[in-house]
């Protein structure tokens, strides 16, 4: 048996290994049923229809058209695919080394950083949780710091903060917020 004979024998195995993984551009996501399925265009323009999307336990996402998916083909068979990862190059936030983020295409995010946990909405209102306390900051820069010493206004006029967001109690007429609700130390800085 010469080298050509060996190559002819292992060629089917090589072909299957080479076709076990590929990339797919997402066209549409089917969220109906017990398992999400993705239809898209594979490398070389192949149409891939209703490919099951297996996601990590406890996490669920619905990829947008145009995102990229990594597709594995069990046994190298093109009719036996599964999506294991979907990636969005456009919406991906920049992270420091070791950072972790859960984000969406609109700009909402929850990020774990060395500075603490940072939650942001699309208008850049944020909540930061770290050993110093909990800081809530609006997109205008005004905010509140809750820490071991009490409540501190980060900027702005402390009198503009309205802790009484609910009407007075219907039973005893007491306001919701302020000293009766345990808010006793307010100071503007």
C-alpha atoms as a PDB file:
ATOM      1  CA  UNK A   1       0.000   0.000   0.000  1.00  0.00           C
ATOM      2  CA  UNK A   2       1.495   3.326  -1.052  1.00  0.00           C
ATOM      3  CA  UNK A   3       0.807   6.922   0.088  1.00  0.00           C
ATOM      4  CA  UNK A   4      -1.919   7.456  -2.526  1.00  0.00           C
ATOM      5  CA  UNK A   5      -3.820   4.428  -1.233  1.00  0.00           C
ATOM      6  CA  UNK A   6      -3.592   5.721   2.366  1.00  0.00           C
ATOM      7  CA  UNK A   7      -4.772   9.187   1.294  1.00  0.00           C
ATOM      8  CA  UNK A   8      -7.703   7.669  -0.603  1.00  0.00           C
ATOM      9  CA  UNK A   9      -8.690   5.695   2.518  1.00  0.00           C
ATOM     10  CA  UNK A  10      -8.525   8.638   4.947  1.00  0.00           C
ATOM     11  CA  UNK A  11      -9.981  11.263   2.569  1.00  0.00           C
ATOM     12  CA  UNK A  12     -13.586  10.747   3.807  1.00  0.00           C
ATOM     13  CA  UNK A  13     -12.415  11.240   7.403  1.00  0.00           C
ATOM     14  CA  UNK A  14     -10.501  14.411   6.488  1.00  0.00           C
ATOM     15  CA  UNK A  15     -13.558  15.787   4.643  1.00  0.00           C
ATOM     16  CA  UNK A  16     -15.827  15.153   7.642  1.00  0.00           C
ATOM     17  CA  UNK A  17     -13.394  16.807  10.052  1.00  0.00           C
ATOM     18  CA  UNK A  18     -13.099  19.844   7.753  1.00  0.00           C
ATOM     19  CA  UNK A  19     -16.889  20.199   7.574  1.00  0.00           C
ATOM     20  CA  UNK A  20     -17.613  19.777  11.296  1.00  0.00           C
ATOM     21  CA  UNK A  21     -17.696  23.540  12.010  1.00  0.00           C
ATOM     22  CA  UNK A  22     -18.663  26.616  10.077  1.00  0.00           C
ATOM     23  CA  UNK A  23     -19.993  30.154  10.325  1.00  0.00           C
ATOM     24  CA  UNK A  24     -23.500  31.300   9.488  1.00  0.00           C
ATOM     25  CA  UNK A  25     -24.990  34.781   9.136  1.00  0.00           C
ATOM     26  CA  UNK A  26     -28.316  34.900  10.973  1.00  0.00           C
ATOM     27  CA  UNK A  27     -31.314  35.804   8.787  1.00  0.00           C
ATOM     28  CA  UNK A  28     -34.248  34.920  11.058  1.00  0.00           C
ATOM     29  CA  UNK A  29     -34.787  33.388  14.506  1.00  0.00           C
ATOM     30  CA  UNK A  30     -37.738  31.130  15.314  1.00  0.00           C
ATOM     31  CA  UNK A  31     -38.541  31.517  19.031  1.00  0.00           C
ATOM     32  CA  UNK A  32     -41.547  29.191  18.967  1.00  0.00           C
ATOM     33  CA  UNK A  33     -41.301  25.732  20.469  1.00  0.00           C
ATOM     34  CA  UNK A  34     -39.053  24.285  23.122  1.00  0.00           C
ATOM     35  CA  UNK A  35     -35.809  25.086  21.301  1.00  0.00           C
ATOM     36  CA  UNK A  36     -34.903  28.240  19.414  1.00  0.00           C
ATOM     37  CA  UNK A  37     -34.023  27.661  15.748  1.00  0.00           C
ATOM     38  CA  UNK A  38     -31.979  29.874  13.435  1.00  0.00           C
ATOM     39  CA  UNK A  39     -32.145  30.186   9.674  1.00  0.00           C
ATOM     40  CA  UNK A  40     -29.209  31.770   7.909  1.00  0.00           C
ATOM     41  CA  UNK A  41     -26.585  31.714   5.218  1.00  0.00           C
ATOM     42  CA  UNK A  42     -23.501  29.555   5.702  1.00  0.00           C
ATOM     43  CA  UNK A  43     -20.030  29.961   4.350  1.00  0.00           C
ATOM     44  CA  UNK A  44     -20.092  29.605   0.602  1.00  0.00           C
ATOM     45  CA  UNK A  45     -23.705  30.827   0.446  1.00  0.00           C
ATOM     46  CA  UNK A  46     -25.295  27.602   1.686  1.00  0.00           C
ATOM     47  CA  UNK A  47     -28.810  28.036   3.073  1.00  0.00           C
ATOM     48  CA  UNK A  48     -29.151  26.605   6.584  1.00  0.00           C
ATOM     49  CA  UNK A  49     -32.758  26.296   7.770  1.00  0.00           C
ATOM     50  CA  UNK A  50     -34.134  25.893  11.308  1.00  0.00           C
ATOM     51  CA  UNK A  51     -30.776  24.973  12.881  1.00  0.00           C
ATOM     52  CA  UNK A  52     -31.287  24.359  16.650  1.00  0.00           C
ATOM     53  CA  UNK A  53     -29.634  26.982  18.892  1.00  0.00           C
ATOM     54  CA  UNK A  54     -28.356  25.521  22.169  1.00  0.00           C
ATOM     55  CA  UNK A  55     -27.771  28.200  24.804  1.00  0.00           C
ATOM     56  CA  UNK A  56     -26.149  28.067  28.233  1.00  0.00           C
ATOM     57  CA  UNK A  57     -28.397  27.062  31.114  1.00  0.00           C
ATOM     58  CA  UNK A  58     -30.176  30.074  32.594  1.00  0.00           C
ATOM     59  CA  UNK A  59     -29.463  32.377  29.644  1.00  0.00           C
ATOM     60  CA  UNK A  60     -31.667  33.138  26.667  1.00  0.00           C
ATOM     61  CA  UNK A  61     -31.160  35.586  23.818  1.00  0.00           C
ATOM     62  CA  UNK A  62     -32.776  36.281  20.480  1.00  0.00           C
ATOM     63  CA  UNK A  63     -30.070  37.167  17.956  1.00  0.00           C
ATOM     64  CA  UNK A  64     -30.634  39.954  15.450  1.00  0.00           C
ATOM     65  CA  UNK A  65     -30.387  39.424  11.696  1.00  0.00           C
ATOM     66  CA  UNK A  66     -26.808  39.986  10.562  1.00  0.00           C
ATOM     67  CA  UNK A  67     -25.140  38.487  13.631  1.00  0.00           C
ATOM     68  CA  UNK A  68     -22.735  35.588  13.176  1.00  0.00           C
ATOM     69  CA  UNK A  69     -23.316  32.079  14.480  1.00  0.00           C
ATOM     70  CA  UNK A  70     -20.875  29.212  14.969  1.00  0.00           C
ATOM     71  CA  UNK A  71     -22.466  26.048  13.637  1.00  0.00           C
ATOM     72  CA  UNK A  72     -21.295  22.546  14.445  1.00  0.00           C
ATOM     73  CA  UNK A  73     -22.302  19.659  12.205  1.00  0.00           C
ATOM     74  CA  UNK A  74     -22.506  16.409  14.131  1.00  0.00           C
ATOM     75  CA  UNK A  75     -20.554  13.730  12.301  1.00  0.00           C
ATOM     76  CA  UNK A  76     -19.680  16.324   9.656  1.00  0.00           C
ATOM     77  CA  UNK A  77     -23.185  15.933   8.194  1.00  0.00           C
ATOM     78  CA  UNK A  78     -24.610  19.231   6.822  1.00  0.00           C
ATOM     79  CA  UNK A  79     -28.173  18.156   7.679  1.00  0.00           C
ATOM     80  CA  UNK A  80     -27.269  17.588  11.351  1.00  0.00           C
ATOM     81  CA  UNK A  81     -26.266  21.075  12.507  1.00  0.00           C
ATOM     82  CA  UNK A  82     -26.494  22.937  15.797  1.00  0.00           C
ATOM     83  CA  UNK A  83     -25.706  26.534  16.721  1.00  0.00           C
ATOM     84  CA  UNK A  84     -23.621  26.884  19.873  1.00  0.00           C
ATOM     85  CA  UNK A  85     -22.495  30.519  19.804  1.00  0.00           C
ATOM     86  CA  UNK A  86     -23.947  33.708  18.297  1.00  0.00           C
ATOM     87  CA  UNK A  87     -21.779  36.811  18.148  1.00  0.00           C
ATOM     88  CA  UNK A  88     -22.685  40.465  17.542  1.00  0.00           C
ATOM     89  CA  UNK A  89     -19.635  42.489  16.481  1.00  0.00           C
ATOM     90  CA  UNK A  90     -21.557  45.776  16.455  1.00  0.00           C
ATOM     91  CA  UNK A  91     -23.161  45.696  19.933  1.00  0.00           C
ATOM     92  CA  UNK A  92     -20.244  44.117  21.787  1.00  0.00           C
ATOM     93  CA  UNK A  93     -19.014  46.382  24.611  1.00  0.00           C
ATOM     94  CA  UNK A  94     -15.313  46.975  25.195  1.00  0.00           C
ATOM     95  CA  UNK A  95     -14.180  45.337  28.424  1.00  0.00           C
ATOM     96  CA  UNK A  96     -11.153  45.490  30.665  1.00  0.00           C
ATOM     97  CA  UNK A  97      -9.238  42.217  31.072  1.00  0.00           C
ATOM     98  CA  UNK A  98     -11.297  39.873  33.245  1.00  0.00           C
ATOM     99  CA  UNK A  99     -14.519  41.826  32.644  1.00  0.00           C
ATOM    100  CA  UNK A 100     -17.850  40.141  31.936  1.00  0.00           C
ATOM    101  CA  UNK A 101     -20.915  41.779  30.412  1.00  0.00           C
ATOM    102  CA  UNK A 102     -24.506  40.894  29.602  1.00  0.00           C
ATOM    103  CA  UNK A 103     -25.726  43.337  26.949  1.00  0.00           C
ATOM    104  CA  UNK A 104     -28.291  43.840  24.236  1.00  0.00           C
ATOM    105  CA  UNK A 105     -28.309  45.511  20.836  1.00  0.00           C
ATOM    106  CA  UNK A 106     -29.957  48.655  22.253  1.00  0.00           C
ATOM    107  CA  UNK A 107     -27.106  49.483  24.641  1.00  0.00           C
ATOM    108  CA  UNK A 108     -28.474  48.192  27.956  1.00  0.00           C
ATOM    109  CA  UNK A 109     -25.816  46.337  29.929  1.00  0.00           C
ATOM    110  CA  UNK A 110     -24.800  44.762  33.203  1.00  0.00           C
ATOM    111  CA  UNK A 111     -21.034  44.570  33.509  1.00  0.00           C
ATOM    112  CA  UNK A 112     -18.793  42.976  36.136  1.00  0.00           C
ATOM    113  CA  UNK A 113     -15.587  45.016  36.438  1.00  0.00           C
ATOM    114  CA  UNK A 114     -12.797  45.523  38.979  1.00  0.00           C
ATOM    115  CA  UNK A 115     -14.713  48.705  40.007  1.00  0.00           C
ATOM    116  CA  UNK A 116     -17.832  46.676  40.816  1.00  0.00           C
ATOM    117  CA  UNK A 117     -21.091  45.790  39.095  1.00  0.00           C
ATOM    118  CA  UNK A 118     -22.263  48.468  36.669  1.00  0.00           C
ATOM    119  CA  UNK A 119     -25.796  48.480  35.275  1.00  0.00           C
ATOM    120  CA  UNK A 120     -26.560  50.954  32.453  1.00  0.00           C
ATOM    121  CA  UNK A 121     -29.627  51.655  30.365  1.00  0.00           C
ATOM    122  CA  UNK A 122     -29.768  53.082  26.850  1.00  0.00           C
ATOM    123  CA  UNK A 123     -29.752  56.688  28.136  1.00  0.00           C
ATOM    124  CA  UNK A 124     -26.656  56.018  30.310  1.00  0.00           C
ATOM    125  CA  UNK A 125     -28.469  56.145  33.629  1.00  0.00           C
ATOM    126  CA  UNK A 126     -26.402  53.820  35.811  1.00  0.00           C
ATOM    127  CA  UNK A 127     -26.219  51.931  39.055  1.00  0.00           C
ATOM    128  CA  UNK A 128     -22.798  50.947  40.409  1.00  0.00           C
ATOM    129  CA  UNK A 129     -22.514  48.419  43.220  1.00  0.00           C
ATOM    130  CA  UNK A 130     -19.150  47.989  44.960  1.00  0.00           C
ATOM    131  CA  UNK A 131     -17.679  47.859  48.483  1.00  0.00           C
ATOM    132  CA  UNK A 132     -18.016  51.678  48.776  1.00  0.00           C
ATOM    133  CA  UNK A 133     -21.785  51.413  48.438  1.00  0.00           C
ATOM    134  CA  UNK A 134     -24.486  51.713  45.810  1.00  0.00           C
ATOM    135  CA  UNK A 135     -24.312  54.724  43.514  1.00  0.00           C
ATOM    136  CA  UNK A 136     -27.228  55.691  41.272  1.00  0.00           C
ATOM    137  CA  UNK A 137     -26.343  58.272  38.637  1.00  0.00           C
ATOM    138  CA  UNK A 138     -28.625  59.857  36.044  1.00  0.00           C
ATOM    139  CA  UNK A 139     -27.475  60.707  32.541  1.00  0.00           C
ATOM    140  CA  UNK A 140     -27.305  64.374  33.669  1.00  0.00           C
ATOM    141  CA  UNK A 141     -24.654  63.570  36.277  1.00  0.00           C
ATOM    142  CA  UNK A 142     -26.905  63.965  39.313  1.00  0.00           C
ATOM    143  CA  UNK A 143     -26.975  61.004  41.606  1.00  0.00           C
ATOM    144  CA  UNK A 144     -27.217  59.433  45.011  1.00  0.00           C
ATOM    145  CA  UNK A 145     -24.695  57.355  46.954  1.00  0.00           C
ATOM    146  CA  UNK A 146     -26.015  54.901  49.523  1.00  0.00           C
ATOM    147  CA  UNK A 147     -23.285  53.740  51.879  1.00  0.00           C
ATOM    148  CA  UNK A 148     -22.630  52.946  55.521  1.00  0.00           C
ATOM    149  CA  UNK A 149     -22.889  56.643  56.473  1.00  0.00           C
ATOM    150  CA  UNK A 150     -26.295  57.175  54.881  1.00  0.00           C
ATOM    151  CA  UNK A 151     -27.498  58.889  51.719  1.00  0.00           C
ATOM    152  CA  UNK A 152     -25.245  61.386  49.933  1.00  0.00           C
ATOM    153  CA  UNK A 153     -26.170  63.501  46.919  1.00  0.00           C
ATOM    154  CA  UNK A 154     -23.390  63.278  44.349  1.00  0.00           C
ATOM    155  CA  UNK A 155     -24.313  66.491  42.545  1.00  0.00           C
ATOM    156  CA  UNK A 156     -27.260  68.759  42.092  1.00  0.00           C
ATOM    157  CA  UNK A 157     -29.635  70.278  44.619  1.00  0.00           C
ATOM    158  CA  UNK A 158     -30.618  67.855  47.377  1.00  0.00           C
ATOM    159  CA  UNK A 159     -34.026  69.491  47.621  1.00  0.00           C
ATOM    160  CA  UNK A 160     -34.876  68.333  44.102  1.00  0.00           C
ATOM    161  CA  UNK A 161     -34.672  64.710  45.191  1.00  0.00           C
ATOM    162  CA  UNK A 162     -38.140  63.441  45.958  1.00  0.00           C
ATOM    163  CA  UNK A 163     -38.113  60.289  48.075  1.00  0.00           C
ATOM    164  CA  UNK A 164     -41.908  60.468  48.376  1.00  0.00           C
ATOM    165  CA  UNK A 165     -42.677  58.907  45.015  1.00  0.00           C
ATOM    166  CA  UNK A 166     -45.854  57.338  46.384  1.00  0.00           C
ATOM    167  CA  UNK A 167     -48.868  59.200  47.741  1.00  0.00           C
ATOM    168  CA  UNK A 168     -49.386  59.390  51.492  1.00  0.00           C
ATOM    169  CA  UNK A 169     -50.592  56.231  53.188  1.00  0.00           C
ATOM    170  CA  UNK A 170     -54.348  55.779  52.871  1.00  0.00           C
ATOM    171  CA  UNK A 171     -54.614  54.322  56.377  1.00  0.00           C
ATOM    172  CA  UNK A 172     -52.662  56.756  58.571  1.00  0.00           C
ATOM    173  CA  UNK A 173     -51.811  59.668  56.237  1.00  0.00           C
ATOM    174  CA  UNK A 174     -48.053  59.197  56.746  1.00  0.00           C
ATOM    175  CA  UNK A 175     -45.799  60.016  53.776  1.00  0.00           C
ATOM    176  CA  UNK A 176     -43.904  57.218  52.052  1.00  0.00           C
ATOM    177  CA  UNK A 177     -40.231  58.094  52.457  1.00  0.00           C
ATOM    178  CA  UNK A 178     -38.431  60.435  54.838  1.00  0.00           C
ATOM    179  CA  UNK A 179     -37.932  59.669  58.562  1.00  0.00           C
ATOM    180  CA  UNK A 180     -41.042  57.505  58.791  1.00  0.00           C
ATOM    181  CA  UNK A 181     -39.566  55.210  56.132  1.00  0.00           C
ATOM    182  CA  UNK A 182     -36.127  55.110  57.718  1.00  0.00           C
ATOM    183  CA  UNK A 183     -34.573  57.839  55.539  1.00  0.00           C
ATOM    184  CA  UNK A 184     -33.111  60.123  58.190  1.00  0.00           C
ATOM    185  CA  UNK A 185     -29.746  61.339  56.931  1.00  0.00           C
ATOM    186  CA  UNK A 186     -29.880  63.354  53.700  1.00  0.00           C
ATOM    187  CA  UNK A 187     -27.030  65.649  52.755  1.00  0.00           C
ATOM    188  CA  UNK A 188     -26.280  67.420  49.494  1.00  0.00           C
ATOM    189  CA  UNK A 189     -22.680  67.863  48.342  1.00  0.00           C
END
